[in-house]
Protein backbone atom coordinates (compact mmCIF):
# COMPACT_ATOMS: atom_id res chain seq x y z
CA UNK A 1 0.00 0.00 0.00
CA UNK A 2 2.86 2.38 0.77
CA UNK A 3 4.40 1.81 -2.65
CA UNK A 4 1.14 2.69 -4.39
CA UNK A 5 0.77 5.84 -2.30
CA UNK A 6 4.40 6.81 -2.92
CA UNK A 7 4.06 6.17 -6.65
CA UNK A 8 0.87 8.23 -6.77
CA UNK A 9 2.61 11.18 -5.09
CA UNK A 10 5.59 10.91 -7.42
CA UNK A 11 3.30 10.90 -10.46
CA UNK A 12 1.30 13.83 -9.06
CA UNK A 13 4.44 15.90 -8.47
CA UNK A 14 5.85 14.94 -11.85
CA UNK A 15 2.61 16.07 -13.48
CA UNK A 16 2.68 19.27 -11.44
CA UNK A 17 6.26 19.92 -12.53
CA UNK A 18 5.38 19.40 -16.20
CA UNK A 19 2.33 21.68 -15.89
CA UNK A 20 4.34 24.38 -14.11
CA UNK A 21 7.08 24.17 -16.74
CA UNK A 22 4.53 24.52 -19.53
CA UNK A 23 2.90 27.48 -17.77
CA UNK A 24 6.24 29.23 -17.29
CA UNK A 25 7.03 28.67 -20.97
CA UNK A 26 3.63 30.01 -22.01
CA UNK A 27 4.21 33.13 -19.94
CA UNK A 28 7.73 33.54 -21.29
CA UNK A 29 6.78 33.19 -24.95
CA UNK A 30 3.28 34.69 -25.05
CA UNK A 31 2.98 37.30 -22.29
CA UNK A 32 2.80 40.72 -23.98
CA UNK A 33 5.19 42.80 -21.85
CA UNK A 34 8.13 41.84 -19.63
CA UNK A 35 7.53 38.18 -20.39
CA UNK A 36 10.82 36.94 -18.95
CA UNK A 37 10.17 38.81 -15.71
CA UNK A 38 6.64 37.42 -15.42
CA UNK A 39 7.79 33.86 -16.12
CA UNK A 40 10.59 34.09 -13.55
CA UNK A 41 8.19 35.61 -11.02
CA UNK A 42 5.77 32.73 -11.67
CA UNK A 43 8.48 30.15 -11.05
CA UNK A 44 9.68 31.91 -7.89
CA UNK A 45 6.12 32.11 -6.58
CA UNK A 46 5.56 28.41 -7.20
CA UNK A 47 8.86 27.52 -5.52
CA UNK A 48 7.93 29.67 -2.53
CA UNK A 49 4.57 27.92 -2.32
CA UNK A 50 6.18 24.49 -2.48
CA UNK A 51 8.70 25.43 0.20
CA UNK A 52 6.59 27.44 2.64
CA UNK A 53 3.01 26.15 2.38
CA UNK A 54 2.16 23.24 4.65
CA UNK A 55 0.34 20.20 3.39
CA UNK A 56 1.23 18.17 0.33
CA UNK A 57 -2.27 18.22 -1.08
CA UNK A 58 -2.60 21.99 -0.64
CA UNK A 59 0.73 22.53 -2.40
CA UNK A 60 -0.39 20.42 -5.35
CA UNK A 61 -3.75 22.16 -5.47
CA UNK A 62 -2.09 25.58 -5.62
CA UNK A 63 0.35 24.49 -8.34
CA UNK A 64 -2.45 23.02 -10.44
CA UNK A 65 -4.59 26.11 -9.75
CA UNK A 66 -1.78 28.35 -11.00
CA UNK A 67 -1.47 26.15 -14.06
CA UNK A 68 -5.22 26.38 -14.66
CA UNK A 69 -5.05 30.16 -14.38
CA UNK A 70 -2.26 30.37 -16.96
CA UNK A 71 -4.07 27.96 -19.30
CA UNK A 72 -7.26 30.01 -18.95
CA UNK A 73 -5.37 33.17 -19.89
CA UNK A 74 -3.48 31.43 -22.70
CA UNK A 75 -6.68 30.14 -24.29
CA UNK A 76 -7.97 33.71 -24.60
CA UNK A 77 -5.06 34.74 -26.84
CA UNK A 78 -6.03 35.53 -30.40
CA UNK A 79 -3.68 34.67 -33.27
CA UNK A 80 -2.33 37.66 -35.13
CA UNK A 81 0.02 38.42 -37.98
CA UNK A 82 0.53 41.94 -36.64
CA UNK A 83 3.72 41.13 -34.79
CA UNK A 84 7.42 41.63 -35.31
CA UNK A 85 8.53 38.87 -37.64
CA UNK A 86 11.96 37.99 -38.90
CA UNK A 87 12.57 39.71 -42.24
CA UNK A 88 12.59 36.47 -44.26
CA UNK A 89 9.09 35.53 -43.05
CA UNK A 90 7.64 39.01 -42.57
CA UNK A 91 5.13 38.89 -45.42
CA UNK A 92 2.25 36.51 -45.95
CA UNK A 93 1.72 35.07 -49.40
CA UNK A 94 -1.68 35.44 -51.03
CA UNK A 95 -3.11 34.64 -54.43
CA UNK A 96 -5.52 35.94 -57.04
CA UNK A 97 -7.28 33.22 -59.03
CA UNK A 98 -8.65 34.07 -62.44
CA UNK A 99 -9.74 30.94 -64.29
CA UNK A 100 -6.66 28.75 -64.74
CA UNK A 101 -4.32 31.69 -64.08
CA UNK A 102 -3.09 32.13 -60.52
CA UNK A 103 -1.10 35.17 -59.45
CA UNK A 104 0.80 34.58 -56.23
CA UNK A 105 1.91 37.68 -54.36
CA UNK A 106 4.70 37.94 -51.76
CA UNK A 107 6.64 34.89 -52.88
CA UNK A 108 9.80 34.77 -50.80
CA UNK A 109 13.04 34.69 -52.77
CA UNK A 110 15.84 35.57 -50.36
CA UNK A 111 19.54 35.76 -51.14
CA UNK A 112 21.11 33.75 -48.30
CA UNK A 113 24.79 34.25 -47.64
CA UNK A 114 24.63 32.44 -44.29
CA UNK A 115 21.75 31.27 -42.15
CA UNK A 116 21.51 34.68 -40.46
CA UNK A 117 22.88 36.94 -43.21
CA UNK A 118 20.43 37.36 -46.07
CA UNK A 119 18.63 39.87 -48.23
CA UNK A 120 14.88 39.28 -48.46
CA UNK A 121 13.17 39.74 -51.82
CA UNK A 122 9.43 39.44 -52.41
CA UNK A 123 8.09 38.60 -55.85
CA UNK A 124 4.79 38.25 -57.64
CA UNK A 125 4.50 35.20 -59.87
CA UNK A 126 1.82 34.19 -62.32
CA UNK A 127 1.17 30.53 -63.10
CA UNK A 128 -1.22 28.84 -65.52
CA UNK A 129 -2.60 25.75 -63.84
CA UNK A 130 -2.97 23.85 -67.12
CA UNK A 131 0.77 24.19 -67.77
CA UNK A 132 1.84 22.66 -64.44
CA UNK A 133 3.22 19.17 -64.94
CA UNK A 134 4.71 18.57 -61.50
CA UNK A 135 5.75 20.09 -58.19
CA UNK A 136 8.67 19.59 -55.86
Foldseek 3Di string as FASTA:
>chain_A
DVVVVVVVLVVLVVVLVVLLVVLLVCQLPPPDPPSPVVSVVSVVVLVCLVPPPDDSVVSSVVSVVVSVVSVVVSVPDDDDLPDDDDPQPNDDWDWDDDPQKIKIWQDWDWADPDPNDIHTDTDIDIDGNVPDDDDD
